Amino acid sequence: ARTGAPAGARSPDRLTQRNGYRDRPWDTRVGRIDLSIPKLRKGSYLPT
């Protein structure tokens, strides 16, 4: 929704490109989950 197009798809509606991933641990009630959070070339993204 942020980029305007699915990963790897060519689209005239695309707003920005992905730029790899960054690792971040997520502590939950069932233990730690290792997340790979997508990075963007323009702007920033943090899961809601």
ModelCIF file with pLDDT and N, C-alpha, C, O atoms, coordinates in Angstrom:
data_MODEL
#
_entry.id   MODEL 
#
_entity.id                         1 
_entity.type                       polymer 
_entity.pdbx_number_of_molecules   1 
#
_entity_poly.entity_id                      1 
_entity_poly.type                           'polypeptide(L)' 
_entity_poly.nstd_linkage                   no 
_entity_poly.nstd_monomer                   no 
_entity_poly.pdbx_seq_one_letter_code       ARTGAPAGARSPDRLTQRNGYRDRPWDTRVGRIDLSIPKLRKGSYLPT 
_entity_poly.pdbx_seq_one_letter_code_can   ARTGAPAGARSPDRLTQRNGYRDRPWDTRVGRIDLSIPKLRKGSYLPT 
_entity_poly.pdbx_strand_id                 A 
#
loop_
_entity_poly_seq.entity_id 
_entity_poly_seq.num 
_entity_poly_seq.mon_id 
_entity_poly_seq.hetero 
1 1  ALA n 
1 2  ARG n 
1 3  THR n 
1 4  GLY n 
1 5  ALA n 
1 6  PRO n 
1 7  ALA n 
1 8  GLY n 
1 9  ALA n 
1 10 ARG n 
1 11 SER n 
1 12 PRO n 
1 13 ASP n 
1 14 ARG n 
1 15 LEU n 
1 16 THR n 
1 17 GLN n 
1 18 ARG n 
1 19 ASN n 
1 20 GLY n 
1 21 TYR n 
1 22 ARG n 
1 23 ASP n 
1 24 ARG n 
1 25 PRO n 
1 26 TRP n 
1 27 ASP n 
1 28 THR n 
1 29 ARG n 
1 30 VAL n 
1 31 GLY n 
1 32 ARG n 
1 33 ILE n 
1 34 ASP n 
1 35 LEU n 
1 36 SER n 
1 37 ILE n 
1 38 PRO n 
1 39 LYS n 
1 40 LEU n 
1 41 ARG n 
1 42 LYS n 
1 43 GLY n 
1 44 SER n 
1 45 TYR n 
1 46 LEU n 
1 47 PRO n 
1 48 THR n 
#
_struct_asym.id          A 
_struct_asym.entity_id   1 
#
loop_
_ma_qa_metric.id 
_ma_qa_metric.mode 
_ma_qa_metric.name 
_ma_qa_metric.software_group_id 
_ma_qa_metric.type 
1 global pLDDT . pLDDT 
2 local  pLDDT . pLDDT 
#
_ma_qa_metric_global.metric_id      1 
_ma_qa_metric_global.metric_value   82.83 
_ma_qa_metric_global.model_id       1 
_ma_qa_metric_global.ordinal_id     1 
#
loop_
_ma_qa_metric_local.label_asym_id 
_ma_qa_metric_local.label_comp_id 
_ma_qa_metric_local.label_seq_id 
_ma_qa_metric_local.metric_id 
_ma_qa_metric_local.metric_value 
_ma_qa_metric_local.model_id 
_ma_qa_metric_local.ordinal_id 
A ALA 1  2 87.00 1 1  
A ARG 2  2 86.00 1 2  
A THR 3  2 89.00 1 3  
A GLY 4  2 86.00 1 4  
A ALA 5  2 85.00 1 5  
A PRO 6  2 84.00 1 6  
A ALA 7  2 82.00 1 7  
A GLY 8  2 80.00 1 8  
A ALA 9  2 83.00 1 9  
A ARG 10 2 83.00 1 10 
A SER 11 2 84.00 1 11 
A PRO 12 2 82.00 1 12 
A ASP 13 2 82.00 1 13 
A ARG 14 2 85.00 1 14 
A LEU 15 2 87.00 1 15 
A THR 16 2 87.00 1 16 
A GLN 17 2 88.00 1 17 
A ARG 18 2 88.00 1 18 
A ASN 19 2 87.00 1 19 
A GLY 20 2 89.00 1 20 
A TYR 21 2 90.00 1 21 
A ARG 22 2 87.00 1 22 
A ASP 23 2 88.00 1 23 
A ARG 24 2 84.00 1 24 
A PRO 25 2 82.00 1 25 
A TRP 26 2 79.00 1 26 
A ASP 27 2 69.00 1 27 
A THR 28 2 68.00 1 28 
A ARG 29 2 59.00 1 29 
A VAL 30 2 62.00 1 30 
A GLY 31 2 71.00 1 31 
A ARG 32 2 78.00 1 32 
A ILE 33 2 84.00 1 33 
A ASP 34 2 88.00 1 34 
A LEU 35 2 89.00 1 35 
A SER 36 2 91.00 1 36 
A ILE 37 2 91.00 1 37 
A PRO 38 2 90.00 1 38 
A LYS 39 2 89.00 1 39 
A LEU 40 2 88.00 1 40 
A ARG 41 2 84.00 1 41 
A LYS 42 2 82.00 1 42 
A GLY 43 2 78.00 1 43 
A SER 44 2 77.00 1 44 
A TYR 45 2 82.00 1 45 
A LEU 46 2 81.00 1 46 
A PRO 47 2 84.00 1 47 
A THR 48 2 77.00 1 48 
#
loop_
_atom_site.group_PDB 
_atom_site.id 
_atom_site.type_symbol 
_atom_site.label_atom_id 
_atom_site.label_alt_id 
_atom_site.label_comp_id 
_atom_site.label_asym_id 
_atom_site.label_entity_id 
_atom_site.label_seq_id 
_atom_site.pdbx_PDB_ins_code 
_atom_site.Cartn_x 
_atom_site.Cartn_y 
_atom_site.Cartn_z 
_atom_site.occupancy 
_atom_site.B_iso_or_equiv 
_atom_site.pdbx_formal_charge 
_atom_site.auth_seq_id 
_atom_site.auth_comp_id 
_atom_site.auth_asym_id 
_atom_site.auth_atom_id 
_atom_site.pdbx_PDB_model_num 
ATOM 1   N N  . ALA A 1 1  ? 0.832  -1.210  0.000   1.00 87.00 ? 1  ALA A N  1 
ATOM 2   C CA . ALA A 1 1  ? 0.000  0.000   0.000   1.00 87.00 ? 1  ALA A CA 1 
ATOM 3   C C  . ALA A 1 1  ? 0.864  1.256   0.000   1.00 87.00 ? 1  ALA A C  1 
ATOM 4   O O  . ALA A 1 1  ? 0.502  2.263   -0.609  1.00 87.00 ? 1  ALA A O  1 
ATOM 5   N N  . ARG A 1 2  ? 2.002  1.197   0.680   1.00 86.00 ? 2  ARG A N  1 
ATOM 6   C CA . ARG A 1 2  ? 2.894  2.364   0.755   1.00 86.00 ? 2  ARG A CA 1 
ATOM 7   C C  . ARG A 1 2  ? 3.595  2.611   -0.586  1.00 86.00 ? 2  ARG A C  1 
ATOM 8   O O  . ARG A 1 2  ? 3.748  3.762   -0.995  1.00 86.00 ? 2  ARG A O  1 
ATOM 9   N N  . THR A 1 3  ? 4.021  1.547   -1.272  1.00 89.00 ? 3  THR A N  1 
ATOM 10  C CA . THR A 1 3  ? 4.757  1.701   -2.532  1.00 89.00 ? 3  THR A CA 1 
ATOM 11  C C  . THR A 1 3  ? 3.841  1.849   -3.734  1.00 89.00 ? 3  THR A C  1 
ATOM 12  O O  . THR A 1 3  ? 4.245  2.383   -4.767  1.00 89.00 ? 3  THR A O  1 
ATOM 13  N N  . GLY A 1 4  ? 2.594  1.371   -3.600  1.00 86.00 ? 4  GLY A N  1 
ATOM 14  C CA . GLY A 1 4  ? 1.655  1.469   -4.706  1.00 86.00 ? 4  GLY A CA 1 
ATOM 15  C C  . GLY A 1 4  ? 1.709  0.311   -5.680  1.00 86.00 ? 4  GLY A C  1 
ATOM 16  O O  . GLY A 1 4  ? 1.028  0.339   -6.705  1.00 86.00 ? 4  GLY A O  1 
ATOM 17  N N  . ALA A 1 5  ? 2.515  -0.722  -5.380  1.00 85.00 ? 5  ALA A N  1 
ATOM 18  C CA . ALA A 1 5  ? 2.628  -1.868  -6.279  1.00 85.00 ? 5  ALA A CA 1 
ATOM 19  C C  . ALA A 1 5  ? 3.192  -3.062  -5.516  1.00 85.00 ? 5  ALA A C  1 
ATOM 20  O O  . ALA A 1 5  ? 3.924  -2.878  -4.543  1.00 85.00 ? 5  ALA A O  1 
ATOM 21  N N  . PRO A 1 6  ? 2.858  -4.307  -5.948  1.00 84.00 ? 6  PRO A N  1 
ATOM 22  C CA . PRO A 1 6  ? 3.427  -5.493  -5.294  1.00 84.00 ? 6  PRO A CA 1 
ATOM 23  C C  . PRO A 1 6  ? 4.933  -5.577  -5.521  1.00 84.00 ? 6  PRO A C  1 
ATOM 24  O O  . PRO A 1 6  ? 5.469  -4.929  -6.421  1.00 84.00 ? 6  PRO A O  1 
ATOM 25  N N  . ALA A 1 7  ? 5.610  -6.375  -4.703  1.00 82.00 ? 7  ALA A N  1 
ATOM 26  C CA . ALA A 1 7  ? 7.059  -6.541  -4.821  1.00 82.00 ? 7  ALA A CA 1 
ATOM 27  C C  . ALA A 1 7  ? 7.431  -7.085  -6.195  1.00 82.00 ? 7  ALA A C  1 
ATOM 28  O O  . ALA A 1 7  ? 6.861  -8.078  -6.647  1.00 82.00 ? 7  ALA A O  1 
ATOM 29  N N  . GLY A 1 8  ? 8.390  -6.433  -6.863  1.00 80.00 ? 8  GLY A N  1 
ATOM 30  C CA . GLY A 1 8  ? 8.882  -6.892  -8.153  1.00 80.00 ? 8  GLY A CA 1 
ATOM 31  C C  . GLY A 1 8  ? 8.016  -6.564  -9.341  1.00 80.00 ? 8  GLY A C  1 
ATOM 32  O O  . GLY A 1 8  ? 8.402  -6.843  -10.476 1.00 80.00 ? 8  GLY A O  1 
ATOM 33  N N  . ALA A 1 9  ? 6.850  -5.975  -9.115  1.00 83.00 ? 9  ALA A N  1 
ATOM 34  C CA . ALA A 1 9  ? 5.937  -5.696  -10.225 1.00 83.00 ? 9  ALA A CA 1 
ATOM 35  C C  . ALA A 1 9  ? 6.224  -4.330  -10.841 1.00 83.00 ? 9  ALA A C  1 
ATOM 36  O O  . ALA A 1 9  ? 6.528  -3.369  -10.135 1.00 83.00 ? 9  ALA A O  1 
ATOM 37  N N  . ARG A 1 10 ? 6.121  -4.258  -12.175 1.00 83.00 ? 10 ARG A N  1 
ATOM 38  C CA . ARG A 1 10 ? 6.244  -2.976  -12.864 1.00 83.00 ? 10 ARG A CA 1 
ATOM 39  C C  . ARG A 1 10 ? 4.864  -2.320  -12.914 1.00 83.00 ? 10 ARG A C  1 
ATOM 40  O O  . ARG A 1 10 ? 3.890  -2.928  -13.359 1.00 83.00 ? 10 ARG A O  1 
ATOM 41  N N  . SER A 1 11 ? 4.798  -1.097  -12.462 1.00 84.00 ? 11 SER A N  1 
ATOM 42  C CA . SER A 1 11 ? 3.503  -0.431  -12.421 1.00 84.00 ? 11 SER A CA 1 
ATOM 43  C C  . SER A 1 11 ? 3.686  1.078   -12.525 1.00 84.00 ? 11 SER A C  1 
ATOM 44  O O  . SER A 1 11 ? 4.563  1.639   -11.868 1.00 84.00 ? 11 SER A O  1 
ATOM 45  N N  . PRO A 1 12 ? 2.864  1.747   -13.351 1.00 82.00 ? 12 PRO A N  1 
ATOM 46  C CA . PRO A 1 12 ? 2.938  3.222   -13.434 1.00 82.00 ? 12 PRO A CA 1 
ATOM 47  C C  . PRO A 1 12 ? 2.457  3.896   -12.145 1.00 82.00 ? 12 PRO A C  1 
ATOM 48  O O  . PRO A 1 12 ? 2.695  5.085   -11.934 1.00 82.00 ? 12 PRO A O  1 
ATOM 49  N N  . ASP A 1 13 ? 1.787  3.135   -11.297 1.00 82.00 ? 13 ASP A N  1 
ATOM 50  C CA . ASP A 1 13 ? 1.274  3.693   -10.039 1.00 82.00 ? 13 ASP A CA 1 
ATOM 51  C C  . ASP A 1 13 ? 2.278  3.595   -8.898  1.00 82.00 ? 13 ASP A C  1 
ATOM 52  O O  . ASP A 1 13 ? 1.999  4.042   -7.785  1.00 82.00 ? 13 ASP A O  1 
ATOM 53  N N  . ARG A 1 14 ? 3.456  3.007   -9.167  1.00 85.00 ? 14 ARG A N  1 
ATOM 54  C CA . ARG A 1 14 ? 4.424  2.823   -8.091  1.00 85.00 ? 14 ARG A CA 1 
ATOM 55  C C  . ARG A 1 14 ? 4.917  4.178   -7.572  1.00 85.00 ? 14 ARG A C  1 
ATOM 56  O O  . ARG A 1 14 ? 5.253  5.069   -8.353  1.00 85.00 ? 14 ARG A O  1 
ATOM 57  N N  . LEU A 1 15 ? 4.955  4.320   -6.233  1.00 87.00 ? 15 LEU A N  1 
ATOM 58  C CA . LEU A 1 15 ? 5.355  5.567   -5.602  1.00 87.00 ? 15 LEU A CA 1 
ATOM 59  C C  . LEU A 1 15 ? 6.821  5.566   -5.181  1.00 87.00 ? 15 LEU A C  1 
ATOM 60  O O  . LEU A 1 15 ? 7.473  6.610   -5.183  1.00 87.00 ? 15 LEU A O  1 
ATOM 61  N N  . THR A 1 16 ? 7.333  4.399   -4.822  1.00 87.00 ? 16 THR A N  1 
ATOM 62  C CA . THR A 1 16 ? 8.732  4.280   -4.421  1.00 87.00 ? 16 THR A CA 1 
ATOM 63  C C  . THR A 1 16 ? 9.161  2.824   -4.536  1.00 87.00 ? 16 THR A C  1 
ATOM 64  O O  . THR A 1 16 ? 8.328  1.934   -4.710  1.00 87.00 ? 16 THR A O  1 
ATOM 65  N N  . GLN A 1 17 ? 10.470 2.587   -4.437  1.00 88.00 ? 17 GLN A N  1 
ATOM 66  C CA . GLN A 1 17 ? 11.015 1.242   -4.553  1.00 88.00 ? 17 GLN A CA 1 
ATOM 67  C C  . GLN A 1 17 ? 11.385 0.702   -3.175  1.00 88.00 ? 17 GLN A C  1 
ATOM 68  O O  . GLN A 1 17 ? 11.641 1.463   -2.242  1.00 88.00 ? 17 GLN A O  1 
ATOM 69  N N  . ARG A 1 18 ? 11.408 -0.617  -3.066  1.00 88.00 ? 18 ARG A N  1 
ATOM 70  C CA . ARG A 1 18 ? 11.928 -1.248  -1.857  1.00 88.00 ? 18 ARG A CA 1 
ATOM 71  C C  . ARG A 1 18 ? 13.451 -1.143  -1.849  1.00 88.00 ? 18 ARG A C  1 
ATOM 72  O O  . ARG A 1 18 ? 14.084 -0.946  -2.887  1.00 88.00 ? 18 ARG A O  1 
ATOM 73  N N  . ASN A 1 19 ? 14.022 -1.280  -0.655  1.00 87.00 ? 19 ASN A N  1 
ATOM 74  C CA . ASN A 1 19 ? 15.471 -1.120  -0.536  1.00 87.00 ? 19 ASN A CA 1 
ATOM 75  C C  . ASN A 1 19 ? 16.022 -2.117  0.485   1.00 87.00 ? 19 ASN A C  1 
ATOM 76  O O  . ASN A 1 19 ? 16.714 -1.730  1.426   1.00 87.00 ? 19 ASN A O  1 
ATOM 77  N N  . GLY A 1 20 ? 15.712 -3.396  0.294   1.00 89.00 ? 20 GLY A N  1 
ATOM 78  C CA . GLY A 1 20 ? 16.226 -4.428  1.184   1.00 89.00 ? 20 GLY A CA 1 
ATOM 79  C C  . GLY A 1 20 ? 15.412 -4.557  2.462   1.00 89.00 ? 20 GLY A C  1 
ATOM 80  O O  . GLY A 1 20 ? 14.255 -4.144  2.533   1.00 89.00 ? 20 GLY A O  1 
ATOM 81  N N  . TYR A 1 21 ? 16.055 -5.146  3.472   1.00 90.00 ? 21 TYR A N  1 
ATOM 82  C CA . TYR A 1 21 ? 15.373 -5.402  4.749   1.00 90.00 ? 21 TYR A CA 1 
ATOM 83  C C  . TYR A 1 21 ? 16.297 -5.048  5.904   1.00 90.00 ? 21 TYR A C  1 
ATOM 84  O O  . TYR A 1 21 ? 17.516 -4.977  5.745   1.00 90.00 ? 21 TYR A O  1 
ATOM 85  N N  . ARG A 1 22 ? 15.701 -4.828  7.065   1.00 87.00 ? 22 ARG A N  1 
ATOM 86  C CA . ARG A 1 22 ? 16.472 -4.692  8.300   1.00 87.00 ? 22 ARG A CA 1 
ATOM 87  C C  . ARG A 1 22 ? 15.893 -5.649  9.329   1.00 87.00 ? 22 ARG A C  1 
ATOM 88  O O  . ARG A 1 22 ? 14.678 -5.835  9.406   1.00 87.00 ? 22 ARG A O  1 
ATOM 89  N N  . ASP A 1 23 ? 16.760 -6.247  10.108  1.00 88.00 ? 23 ASP A N  1 
ATOM 90  C CA . ASP A 1 23 ? 16.336 -7.228  11.114  1.00 88.00 ? 23 ASP A CA 1 
ATOM 91  C C  . ASP A 1 23 ? 15.970 -6.528  12.415  1.00 88.00 ? 23 ASP A C  1 
ATOM 92  O O  . ASP A 1 23 ? 16.625 -5.570  12.827  1.00 88.00 ? 23 ASP A O  1 
ATOM 93  N N  . ARG A 1 24 ? 14.910 -7.022  13.055  1.00 84.00 ? 24 ARG A N  1 
ATOM 94  C CA . ARG A 1 24 ? 14.507 -6.482  14.355  1.00 84.00 ? 24 ARG A CA 1 
ATOM 95  C C  . ARG A 1 24 ? 13.781 -7.569  15.143  1.00 84.00 ? 24 ARG A C  1 
ATOM 96  O O  . ARG A 1 24 ? 12.870 -8.205  14.613  1.00 84.00 ? 24 ARG A O  1 
ATOM 97  N N  . PRO A 1 25 ? 14.167 -7.792  16.396  1.00 82.00 ? 25 PRO A N  1 
ATOM 98  C CA . PRO A 1 25 ? 13.461 -8.777  17.219  1.00 82.00 ? 25 PRO A CA 1 
ATOM 99  C C  . PRO A 1 25 ? 12.122 -8.225  17.697  1.00 82.00 ? 25 PRO A C  1 
ATOM 100 O O  . PRO A 1 25 ? 11.981 -7.027  17.942  1.00 82.00 ? 25 PRO A O  1 
ATOM 101 N N  . TRP A 1 26 ? 11.150 -9.110  17.826  1.00 79.00 ? 26 TRP A N  1 
ATOM 102 C CA . TRP A 1 26 ? 9.815  -8.729  18.302  1.00 79.00 ? 26 TRP A CA 1 
ATOM 103 C C  . TRP A 1 26 ? 9.465  -9.653  19.458  1.00 79.00 ? 26 TRP A C  1 
ATOM 104 O O  . TRP A 1 26 ? 9.263  -10.852 19.263  1.00 79.00 ? 26 TRP A O  1 
ATOM 105 N N  . ASP A 1 27 ? 9.395  -9.098  20.654  1.00 69.00 ? 27 ASP A N  1 
ATOM 106 C CA . ASP A 1 27 ? 9.066  -9.883  21.844  1.00 69.00 ? 27 ASP A CA 1 
ATOM 107 C C  . ASP A 1 27 ? 7.555  -10.007 21.979  1.00 69.00 ? 27 ASP A C  1 
ATOM 108 O O  . ASP A 1 27 ? 6.846  -9.006  22.088  1.00 69.00 ? 27 ASP A O  1 
ATOM 109 N N  . THR A 1 28 ? 7.068  -11.252 21.971  1.00 68.00 ? 28 THR A N  1 
ATOM 110 C CA . THR A 1 28 ? 5.638  -11.522 22.074  1.00 68.00 ? 28 THR A CA 1 
ATOM 111 C C  . THR A 1 28 ? 5.375  -12.443 23.260  1.00 68.00 ? 28 THR A C  1 
ATOM 112 O O  . THR A 1 28 ? 6.312  -12.862 23.939  1.00 68.00 ? 28 THR A O  1 
ATOM 113 N N  . ARG A 1 29 ? 4.114  -12.758 23.511  1.00 59.00 ? 29 ARG A N  1 
ATOM 114 C CA . ARG A 1 29 ? 3.743  -13.634 24.624  1.00 59.00 ? 29 ARG A CA 1 
ATOM 115 C C  . ARG A 1 29 ? 4.159  -15.075 24.386  1.00 59.00 ? 29 ARG A C  1 
ATOM 116 O O  . ARG A 1 29 ? 4.161  -15.885 25.313  1.00 59.00 ? 29 ARG A O  1 
ATOM 117 N N  . VAL A 1 30 ? 4.513  -15.402 23.143  1.00 62.00 ? 30 VAL A N  1 
ATOM 118 C CA . VAL A 1 30 ? 4.960  -16.775 22.854  1.00 62.00 ? 30 VAL A CA 1 
ATOM 119 C C  . VAL A 1 30 ? 6.456  -16.820 22.561  1.00 62.00 ? 30 VAL A C  1 
ATOM 120 O O  . VAL A 1 30 ? 6.963  -17.812 22.036  1.00 62.00 ? 30 VAL A O  1 
ATOM 121 N N  . GLY A 1 31 ? 7.162  -15.737 22.905  1.00 71.00 ? 31 GLY A N  1 
ATOM 122 C CA . GLY A 1 31 ? 8.604  -15.728 22.698  1.00 71.00 ? 31 GLY A CA 1 
ATOM 123 C C  . GLY A 1 31 ? 9.019  -14.707 21.658  1.00 71.00 ? 31 GLY A C  1 
ATOM 124 O O  . GLY A 1 31 ? 8.192  -13.978 21.110  1.00 71.00 ? 31 GLY A O  1 
ATOM 125 N N  . ARG A 1 32 ? 10.318 -14.668 21.398  1.00 78.00 ? 32 ARG A N  1 
ATOM 126 C CA . ARG A 1 32 ? 10.882 -13.681 20.465  1.00 78.00 ? 32 ARG A CA 1 
ATOM 127 C C  . ARG A 1 32 ? 10.742 -14.157 19.026  1.00 78.00 ? 32 ARG A C  1 
ATOM 128 O O  . ARG A 1 32 ? 11.005 -15.317 18.707  1.00 78.00 ? 32 ARG A O  1 
ATOM 129 N N  . ILE A 1 33 ? 10.320 -13.230 18.163  1.00 84.00 ? 33 ILE A N  1 
ATOM 130 C CA . ILE A 1 33 ? 10.184 -13.496 16.735  1.00 84.00 ? 33 ILE A CA 1 
ATOM 131 C C  . ILE A 1 33 ? 11.129 -12.553 15.996  1.00 84.00 ? 33 ILE A C  1 
ATOM 132 O O  . ILE A 1 33 ? 11.114 -11.344 16.228  1.00 84.00 ? 33 ILE A O  1 
ATOM 133 N N  . ASP A 1 34 ? 11.942 -13.104 15.112  1.00 88.00 ? 34 ASP A N  1 
ATOM 134 C CA . ASP A 1 34 ? 12.881 -12.299 14.331  1.00 88.00 ? 34 ASP A CA 1 
ATOM 135 C C  . ASP A 1 34 ? 12.187 -11.804 13.066  1.00 88.00 ? 34 ASP A C  1 
ATOM 136 O O  . ASP A 1 34 ? 11.837 -12.592 12.188  1.00 88.00 ? 34 ASP A O  1 
ATOM 137 N N  . LEU A 1 35 ? 11.995 -10.503 12.987  1.00 89.00 ? 35 LEU A N  1 
ATOM 138 C CA . LEU A 1 35 ? 11.319 -9.898  11.843  1.00 89.00 ? 35 LEU A CA 1 
ATOM 139 C C  . LEU A 1 35 ? 12.331 -9.377  10.830  1.00 89.00 ? 35 LEU A C  1 
ATOM 140 O O  . LEU A 1 35 ? 13.415 -8.925  11.197  1.00 89.00 ? 35 LEU A O  1 
ATOM 141 N N  . SER A 1 36 ? 11.970 -9.443  9.561   1.00 91.00 ? 36 SER A N  1 
ATOM 142 C CA . SER A 1 36 ? 12.721 -8.794  8.489   1.00 91.00 ? 36 SER A CA 1 
ATOM 143 C C  . SER A 1 36 ? 11.824 -7.695  7.936   1.00 91.00 ? 36 SER A C  1 
ATOM 144 O O  . SER A 1 36 ? 10.924 -7.952  7.137   1.00 91.00 ? 36 SER A O  1 
ATOM 145 N N  . ILE A 1 37 ? 12.084 -6.464  8.375   1.00 91.00 ? 37 ILE A N  1 
ATOM 146 C CA . ILE A 1 37 ? 11.213 -5.339  8.037   1.00 91.00 ? 37 ILE A CA 1 
ATOM 147 C C  . ILE A 1 37 ? 11.676 -4.703  6.731   1.00 91.00 ? 37 ILE A C  1 
ATOM 148 O O  . ILE A 1 37 ? 12.835 -4.305  6.624   1.00 91.00 ? 37 ILE A O  1 
ATOM 149 N N  . PRO A 1 38 ? 10.801 -4.599  5.739   1.00 90.00 ? 38 PRO A N  1 
ATOM 150 C CA . PRO A 1 38 ? 11.195 -3.982  4.461   1.00 90.00 ? 38 PRO A CA 1 
ATOM 151 C C  . PRO A 1 38 ? 11.610 -2.529  4.633   1.00 90.00 ? 38 PRO A C  1 
ATOM 152 O O  . PRO A 1 38 ? 11.033 -1.800  5.439   1.00 90.00 ? 38 PRO A O  1 
ATOM 153 N N  . LYS A 1 39 ? 12.618 -2.113  3.868   1.00 89.00 ? 39 LYS A N  1 
ATOM 154 C CA . LYS A 1 39 ? 13.044 -0.715  3.844   1.00 89.00 ? 39 LYS A CA 1 
ATOM 155 C C  . LYS A 1 39 ? 12.637 -0.102  2.508   1.00 89.00 ? 39 LYS A C  1 
ATOM 156 O O  . LYS A 1 39 ? 12.508 -0.805  1.506   1.00 89.00 ? 39 LYS A O  1 
ATOM 157 N N  . LEU A 1 40 ? 12.436 1.214   2.503   1.00 88.00 ? 40 LEU A N  1 
ATOM 158 C CA . LEU A 1 40 ? 12.023 1.923   1.296   1.00 88.00 ? 40 LEU A CA 1 
ATOM 159 C C  . LEU A 1 40 ? 13.096 2.920   0.878   1.00 88.00 ? 40 LEU A C  1 
ATOM 160 O O  . LEU A 1 40 ? 13.827 3.448   1.715   1.00 88.00 ? 40 LEU A O  1 
ATOM 161 N N  . ARG A 1 41 ? 13.183 3.172   -0.430  1.00 84.00 ? 41 ARG A N  1 
ATOM 162 C CA . ARG A 1 41 ? 14.166 4.159   -0.918  1.00 84.00 ? 41 ARG A CA 1 
ATOM 163 C C  . ARG A 1 41 ? 13.770 5.578   -0.519  1.00 84.00 ? 41 ARG A C  1 
ATOM 164 O O  . ARG A 1 41 ? 14.638 6.417   -0.276  1.00 84.00 ? 41 ARG A O  1 
ATOM 165 N N  . LYS A 1 42 ? 12.468 5.852   -0.449  1.00 82.00 ? 42 LYS A N  1 
ATOM 166 C CA . LYS A 1 42 ? 11.980 7.165   -0.038  1.00 82.00 ? 42 LYS A CA 1 
ATOM 167 C C  . LYS A 1 42 ? 11.037 6.977   1.147   1.00 82.00 ? 42 LYS A C  1 
ATOM 168 O O  . LYS A 1 42 ? 10.129 6.147   1.110   1.00 82.00 ? 42 LYS A O  1 
ATOM 169 N N  . GLY A 1 43 ? 11.267 7.760   2.197   1.00 78.00 ? 43 GLY A N  1 
ATOM 170 C CA . GLY A 1 43 ? 10.419 7.644   3.372   1.00 78.00 ? 43 GLY A CA 1 
ATOM 171 C C  . GLY A 1 43 ? 10.853 6.491   4.255   1.00 78.00 ? 43 GLY A C  1 
ATOM 172 O O  . GLY A 1 43 ? 11.876 5.856   4.000   1.00 78.00 ? 43 GLY A O  1 
ATOM 173 N N  . SER A 1 44 ? 10.086 6.224   5.283   1.00 77.00 ? 44 SER A N  1 
ATOM 174 C CA . SER A 1 44 ? 10.400 5.159   6.225   1.00 77.00 ? 44 SER A CA 1 
ATOM 175 C C  . SER A 1 44 ? 9.163  4.301   6.458   1.00 77.00 ? 44 SER A C  1 
ATOM 176 O O  . SER A 1 44 ? 8.040  4.722   6.183   1.00 77.00 ? 44 SER A O  1 
ATOM 177 N N  . TYR A 1 45 ? 9.386  3.098   6.966   1.00 82.00 ? 45 TYR A N  1 
ATOM 178 C CA . TYR A 1 45 ? 8.277  2.192   7.250   1.00 82.00 ? 45 TYR A CA 1 
ATOM 179 C C  . TYR A 1 45 ? 8.521  1.470   8.557   1.00 82.00 ? 45 TYR A C  1 
ATOM 180 O O  . TYR A 1 45 ? 9.596  0.910   8.773   1.00 82.00 ? 45 TYR A O  1 
ATOM 181 N N  . LEU A 1 46 ? 7.523  1.482   9.432   1.00 81.00 ? 46 LEU A N  1 
ATOM 182 C CA . LEU A 1 46 ? 7.540  0.724   10.676  1.00 81.00 ? 46 LEU A CA 1 
ATOM 183 C C  . LEU A 1 46 ? 6.195  0.028   10.792  1.00 81.00 ? 46 LEU A C  1 
ATOM 184 O O  . LEU A 1 46 ? 5.161  0.692   10.717  1.00 81.00 ? 46 LEU A O  1 
ATOM 185 N N  . PRO A 1 47 ? 6.173  -1.295  10.974  1.00 84.00 ? 47 PRO A N  1 
ATOM 186 C CA . PRO A 1 47 ? 4.896  -2.018  11.052  1.00 84.00 ? 47 PRO A CA 1 
ATOM 187 C C  . PRO A 1 47 ? 3.982  -1.446  12.125  1.00 84.00 ? 47 PRO A C  1 
ATOM 188 O O  . PRO A 1 47 ? 4.440  -1.057  13.200  1.00 84.00 ? 47 PRO A O  1 
ATOM 189 N N  . THR A 1 48 ? 2.697  -1.396  11.831  1.00 77.00 ? 48 THR A N  1 
ATOM 190 C CA . THR A 1 48 ? 1.743  -0.793  12.762  1.00 77.00 ? 48 THR A CA 1 
ATOM 191 C C  . THR A 1 48 ? 1.627  -1.582  14.059  1.00 77.00 ? 48 THR A C  1 
ATOM 192 O O  . THR A 1 48 ? 0.863  -1.202  14.946  1.00 77.00 ? 48 THR A O  1 
#
